[in-house]
Each structure stands twice: as structure tokens, then as C-alpha cells.
Amino acid sequence: MTDFPVDERSLFQRVAALRTAVASHLDARFQLLALEAAEARGLLAKQALLLGSAVLALIFGYFLVLSGGIALIAHLLQCPWWQVALAAGIAHIGLGILLFLLARRFLARRLFADSRTELQKDRLWLTHKR
């Protein structure tokens, strides 16, 4: 028979030591989580600020190019700028409606059609198997 070393501490002392070790480990993990969350929050805030600035710059640039294009077309066609702006507005509304209809058609399609078909076949097979 093999003799194992006997721990002289009581069960209560061992449980208390285990509890202290687990608490220390969890405390270290939570401190690390707090540091990583703060770093991630700062990084996401910077990314959101940059993305917002980029979108704002693109929108502002779009309107400048659009107004310049309207002025150029009005100058080349020798017609009032408001007629060109009206035509551009109508074209943009038409394009928006077209894109909306296309998006609605894509959203109407069922996602994962093949998977749904296979699951339906499996369901039918299971019900007939009983």
C-alpha cells in the first residue's frame, strides 16, 4: 500500500484557501476584462468618429459635385439652372425608387432556401418513420 502525504490542514482551511485562490483568479480576469473593454471602447469611439466624418465629407462632396454639375450642364445647354436641377432631382427620385424596388425584391426572397428544403425533407422523413 502506498502512503500518501497527509495534509495537516483541516477541510475548512483547504476550502478557504481554494475560495481565496478562485477569488484572486476571478479578480485578475475581471481587471483584465476592464482594461480590454476600455481599450476597445476607445478604439470603437475613434472608428465611429472617423466613419461619421467620412460619411459627412462624402455627403458634402456629393452635393458640391451635384451643384457644380448642374451649373455646368446649365451653362453648356444654355438653359436656366433650375430646369437642370429639376431634371436631376427627378432622375435621383427615379433611381431611388428603382433601387428600393430591387431591395424589396431581394428581401422578399427566403434566406437559406436549400437548407429549409432539406430540413423539411428531414421532418417529413422523421414523421413517416414513426
C-alpha atoms as a PDB file:
ATOM      1  CA  MET A   1       0.000   0.000   0.000  1.00  0.00           C
ATOM      2  CA  THR A   2       1.302   3.452  -0.948  1.00  0.00           C
ATOM      3  CA  ASP A   3       1.445   6.093   1.691  1.00  0.00           C
ATOM      4  CA  PHE A   4       0.184   9.478   0.525  1.00  0.00           C
ATOM      5  CA  PRO A   5       1.337  12.588   2.325  1.00  0.00           C
ATOM      6  CA  VAL A   6      -1.297  13.725   4.757  1.00  0.00           C
ATOM      7  CA  ASP A   7      -2.224  17.393   4.740  1.00  0.00           C
ATOM      8  CA  GLU A   8      -2.388  18.646   8.276  1.00  0.00           C
ATOM      9  CA  ARG A   9      -4.850  21.431   7.420  1.00  0.00           C
ATOM     10  CA  SER A  10      -8.488  20.943   8.103  1.00  0.00           C
ATOM     11  CA  LEU A  11     -11.078  20.704   5.377  1.00  0.00           C
ATOM     12  CA  PHE A  12     -12.335  24.174   6.285  1.00  0.00           C
ATOM     13  CA  GLN A  13      -8.848  25.658   5.816  1.00  0.00           C
ATOM     14  CA  ARG A  14      -8.454  23.959   2.422  1.00  0.00           C
ATOM     15  CA  VAL A  15     -11.844  25.201   1.227  1.00  0.00           C
ATOM     16  CA  ALA A  16     -10.999  28.703   2.438  1.00  0.00           C
ATOM     17  CA  ALA A  17      -7.665  28.590   0.572  1.00  0.00           C
ATOM     18  CA  LEU A  18      -9.413  27.357  -2.574  1.00  0.00           C
ATOM     19  CA  ARG A  19     -12.008  30.130  -2.282  1.00  0.00           C
ATOM     20  CA  THR A  20      -9.260  32.720  -1.891  1.00  0.00           C
ATOM     21  CA  ALA A  21      -7.396  31.365  -4.928  1.00  0.00           C
ATOM     22  CA  VAL A  22     -10.540  31.344  -7.074  1.00  0.00           C
ATOM     23  CA  ALA A  23     -11.459  34.871  -5.951  1.00  0.00           C
ATOM     24  CA  SER A  24      -7.953  36.080  -6.751  1.00  0.00           C
ATOM     25  CA  HIS A  25      -8.080  34.447 -10.174  1.00  0.00           C
ATOM     26  CA  LEU A  26     -11.506  35.926 -10.965  1.00  0.00           C
ATOM     27  CA  ASP A  27     -10.395  39.348  -9.757  1.00  0.00           C
ATOM     28  CA  ALA A  28      -7.404  39.265 -12.095  1.00  0.00           C
ATOM     29  CA  ARG A  29      -9.634  38.195 -15.005  1.00  0.00           C
ATOM     30  CA  PHE A  30     -12.138  40.981 -14.315  1.00  0.00           C
ATOM     31  CA  GLN A  31      -9.351  43.567 -14.140  1.00  0.00           C
ATOM     32  CA  LEU A  32      -8.044  42.337 -17.485  1.00  0.00           C
ATOM     33  CA  LEU A  33     -11.567  42.452 -18.924  1.00  0.00           C
ATOM     34  CA  ALA A  34     -11.995  46.036 -17.693  1.00  0.00           C
ATOM     35  CA  LEU A  35      -8.704  47.073 -19.318  1.00  0.00           C
ATOM     36  CA  GLU A  36      -9.600  45.408 -22.615  1.00  0.00           C
ATOM     37  CA  ALA A  37     -13.111  46.888 -22.565  1.00  0.00           C
ATOM     38  CA  ALA A  38     -11.711  50.388 -22.028  1.00  0.00           C
ATOM     39  CA  GLU A  39      -9.261  49.878 -24.891  1.00  0.00           C
ATOM     40  CA  ALA A  40     -11.997  48.538 -27.156  1.00  0.00           C
ATOM     41  CA  ARG A  41     -14.316  51.421 -26.227  1.00  0.00           C
ATOM     42  CA  GLY A  42     -11.628  53.947 -27.161  1.00  0.00           C
ATOM     43  CA  LEU A  43     -10.896  52.185 -30.434  1.00  0.00           C
ATOM     44  CA  LEU A  44     -14.594  51.926 -31.353  1.00  0.00           C
ATOM     45  CA  ALA A  45     -15.118  55.605 -30.497  1.00  0.00           C
ATOM     46  CA  LYS A  46     -12.246  56.577 -32.814  1.00  0.00           C
ATOM     47  CA  GLN A  47     -13.599  54.356 -35.583  1.00  0.00           C
ATOM     48  CA  ALA A  48     -17.121  55.765 -35.193  1.00  0.00           C
ATOM     49  CA  LEU A  49     -15.780  59.322 -35.293  1.00  0.00           C
ATOM     50  CA  LEU A  50     -13.732  58.599 -38.404  1.00  0.00           C
ATOM     51  CA  LEU A  51     -16.631  56.825 -40.104  1.00  0.00           C
ATOM     52  CA  GLY A  52     -19.035  59.664 -39.280  1.00  0.00           C
ATOM     53  CA  SER A  53     -16.540  62.219 -40.566  1.00  0.00           C
ATOM     54  CA  ALA A  54     -16.028  60.241 -43.768  1.00  0.00           C
ATOM     55  CA  VAL A  55     -19.775  59.958 -44.387  1.00  0.00           C
ATOM     56  CA  LEU A  56     -20.236  63.673 -43.729  1.00  0.00           C
ATOM     57  CA  ALA A  57     -17.382  64.544 -46.110  1.00  0.00           C
ATOM     58  CA  LEU A  58     -18.804  62.249 -48.788  1.00  0.00           C
ATOM     59  CA  ILE A  59     -22.275  63.760 -48.488  1.00  0.00           C
ATOM     60  CA  PHE A  60     -20.893  67.287 -48.564  1.00  0.00           C
ATOM     61  CA  GLY A  61     -18.705  66.435 -51.566  1.00  0.00           C
ATOM     62  CA  TYR A  62     -21.632  64.799 -53.345  1.00  0.00           C
ATOM     63  CA  PHE A  63     -23.742  67.940 -53.005  1.00  0.00           C
ATOM     64  CA  LEU A  64     -20.868  70.143 -54.197  1.00  0.00           C
ATOM     65  CA  VAL A  65     -20.273  67.944 -57.249  1.00  0.00           C
ATOM     66  CA  LEU A  66     -24.005  67.794 -57.926  1.00  0.00           C
ATOM     67  CA  SER A  67     -24.403  71.555 -57.745  1.00  0.00           C
ATOM     68  CA  GLY A  68     -21.301  72.085 -59.888  1.00  0.00           C
ATOM     69  CA  GLY A  69     -22.567  69.555 -62.409  1.00  0.00           C
ATOM     70  CA  ILE A  70     -25.935  71.275 -62.547  1.00  0.00           C
ATOM     71  CA  ALA A  71     -24.261  74.632 -63.142  1.00  0.00           C
ATOM     72  CA  LEU A  72     -22.008  73.144 -65.834  1.00  0.00           C
ATOM     73  CA  ILE A  73     -24.874  71.412 -67.657  1.00  0.00           C
ATOM     74  CA  ALA A  74     -26.995  74.571 -67.428  1.00  0.00           C
ATOM     75  CA  HIS A  75     -24.112  76.580 -68.884  1.00  0.00           C
ATOM     76  CA  LEU A  76     -23.473  74.086 -71.697  1.00  0.00           C
ATOM     77  CA  LEU A  77     -27.172  73.745 -72.604  1.00  0.00           C
ATOM     78  CA  GLN A  78     -27.740  77.455 -72.065  1.00  0.00           C
ATOM     79  CA  CYS A  79     -30.882  76.876 -70.045  1.00  0.00           C
ATOM     80  CA  PRO A  80     -31.852  78.013 -66.526  1.00  0.00           C
ATOM     81  CA  TRP A  81     -30.126  76.131 -63.711  1.00  0.00           C
ATOM     82  CA  TRP A  82     -33.436  75.307 -62.027  1.00  0.00           C
ATOM     83  CA  GLN A  83     -34.544  73.246 -65.026  1.00  0.00           C
ATOM     84  CA  VAL A  84     -31.380  71.152 -64.852  1.00  0.00           C
ATOM     85  CA  ALA A  85     -31.776  70.848 -61.070  1.00  0.00           C
ATOM     86  CA  LEU A  86     -35.370  69.722 -61.516  1.00  0.00           C
ATOM     87  CA  ALA A  87     -34.340  67.103 -64.081  1.00  0.00           C
ATOM     88  CA  ALA A  88     -31.531  65.903 -61.797  1.00  0.00           C
ATOM     89  CA  GLY A  89     -33.950  65.695 -58.872  1.00  0.00           C
ATOM     90  CA  ILE A  90     -36.441  63.687 -60.892  1.00  0.00           C
ATOM     91  CA  ALA A  91     -33.659  61.369 -62.061  1.00  0.00           C
ATOM     92  CA  HIS A  92     -32.490  60.857 -58.466  1.00  0.00           C
ATOM     93  CA  ILE A  93     -36.013  60.123 -57.262  1.00  0.00           C
ATOM     94  CA  GLY A  94     -36.477  57.629 -60.109  1.00  0.00           C
ATOM     95  CA  LEU A  95     -33.175  55.955 -59.275  1.00  0.00           C
ATOM     96  CA  GLY A  96     -34.151  55.806 -55.589  1.00  0.00           C
ATOM     97  CA  ILE A  97     -37.496  54.181 -56.409  1.00  0.00           C
ATOM     98  CA  LEU A  98     -35.771  51.662 -58.686  1.00  0.00           C
ATOM     99  CA  LEU A  99     -33.216  50.762 -56.007  1.00  0.00           C
ATOM    100  CA  PHE A 100     -35.970  50.492 -53.388  1.00  0.00           C
ATOM    101  CA  LEU A 101     -37.918  48.075 -55.594  1.00  0.00           C
ATOM    102  CA  LEU A 102     -34.791  46.000 -56.215  1.00  0.00           C
ATOM    103  CA  ALA A 103     -34.019  45.890 -52.494  1.00  0.00           C
ATOM    104  CA  ARG A 104     -37.599  44.865 -51.712  1.00  0.00           C
ATOM    105  CA  ARG A 105     -37.377  42.074 -54.267  1.00  0.00           C
ATOM    106  CA  PHE A 106     -34.152  40.788 -52.702  1.00  0.00           C
ATOM    107  CA  LEU A 107     -35.652  40.985 -49.210  1.00  0.00           C
ATOM    108  CA  ALA A 108     -38.700  39.025 -50.347  1.00  0.00           C
ATOM    109  CA  ARG A 109     -36.518  36.031 -51.185  1.00  0.00           C
ATOM    110  CA  ARG A 110     -36.370  33.448 -48.465  1.00  0.00           C
ATOM    111  CA  LEU A 111     -32.993  33.012 -46.912  1.00  0.00           C
ATOM    112  CA  PHE A 112     -31.380  29.583 -46.830  1.00  0.00           C
ATOM    113  CA  ALA A 113     -33.912  28.044 -49.213  1.00  0.00           C
ATOM    114  CA  ASP A 114     -31.832  24.884 -49.725  1.00  0.00           C
ATOM    115  CA  SER A 115     -31.389  24.372 -46.001  1.00  0.00           C
ATOM    116  CA  ARG A 116     -35.102  24.897 -45.399  1.00  0.00           C
ATOM    117  CA  THR A 117     -35.928  22.334 -48.092  1.00  0.00           C
ATOM    118  CA  GLU A 118     -33.571  19.783 -46.557  1.00  0.00           C
ATOM    119  CA  LEU A 119     -34.965  20.383 -43.078  1.00  0.00           C
ATOM    120  CA  GLN A 120     -38.499  19.944 -44.416  1.00  0.00           C
ATOM    121  CA  LYS A 121     -37.475  16.659 -46.050  1.00  0.00           C
ATOM    122  CA  ASP A 122     -35.905  15.523 -42.762  1.00  0.00           C
ATOM    123  CA  ARG A 123     -39.046  16.485 -40.854  1.00  0.00           C
ATOM    124  CA  LEU A 124     -41.244  14.538 -43.257  1.00  0.00           C
ATOM    125  CA  TRP A 125     -38.922  11.536 -43.098  1.00  0.00           C
ATOM    126  CA  LEU A 126     -38.994  11.594 -39.291  1.00  0.00           C
ATOM    127  CA  THR A 127     -42.785  11.820 -39.122  1.00  0.00           C
ATOM    128  CA  HIS A 128     -43.244   8.923 -41.554  1.00  0.00           C
ATOM    129  CA  LYS A 129     -40.569   6.871 -39.784  1.00  0.00           C
ATOM    130  CA  ARG A 130     -42.591   6.725 -36.553  1.00  0.00           C
END
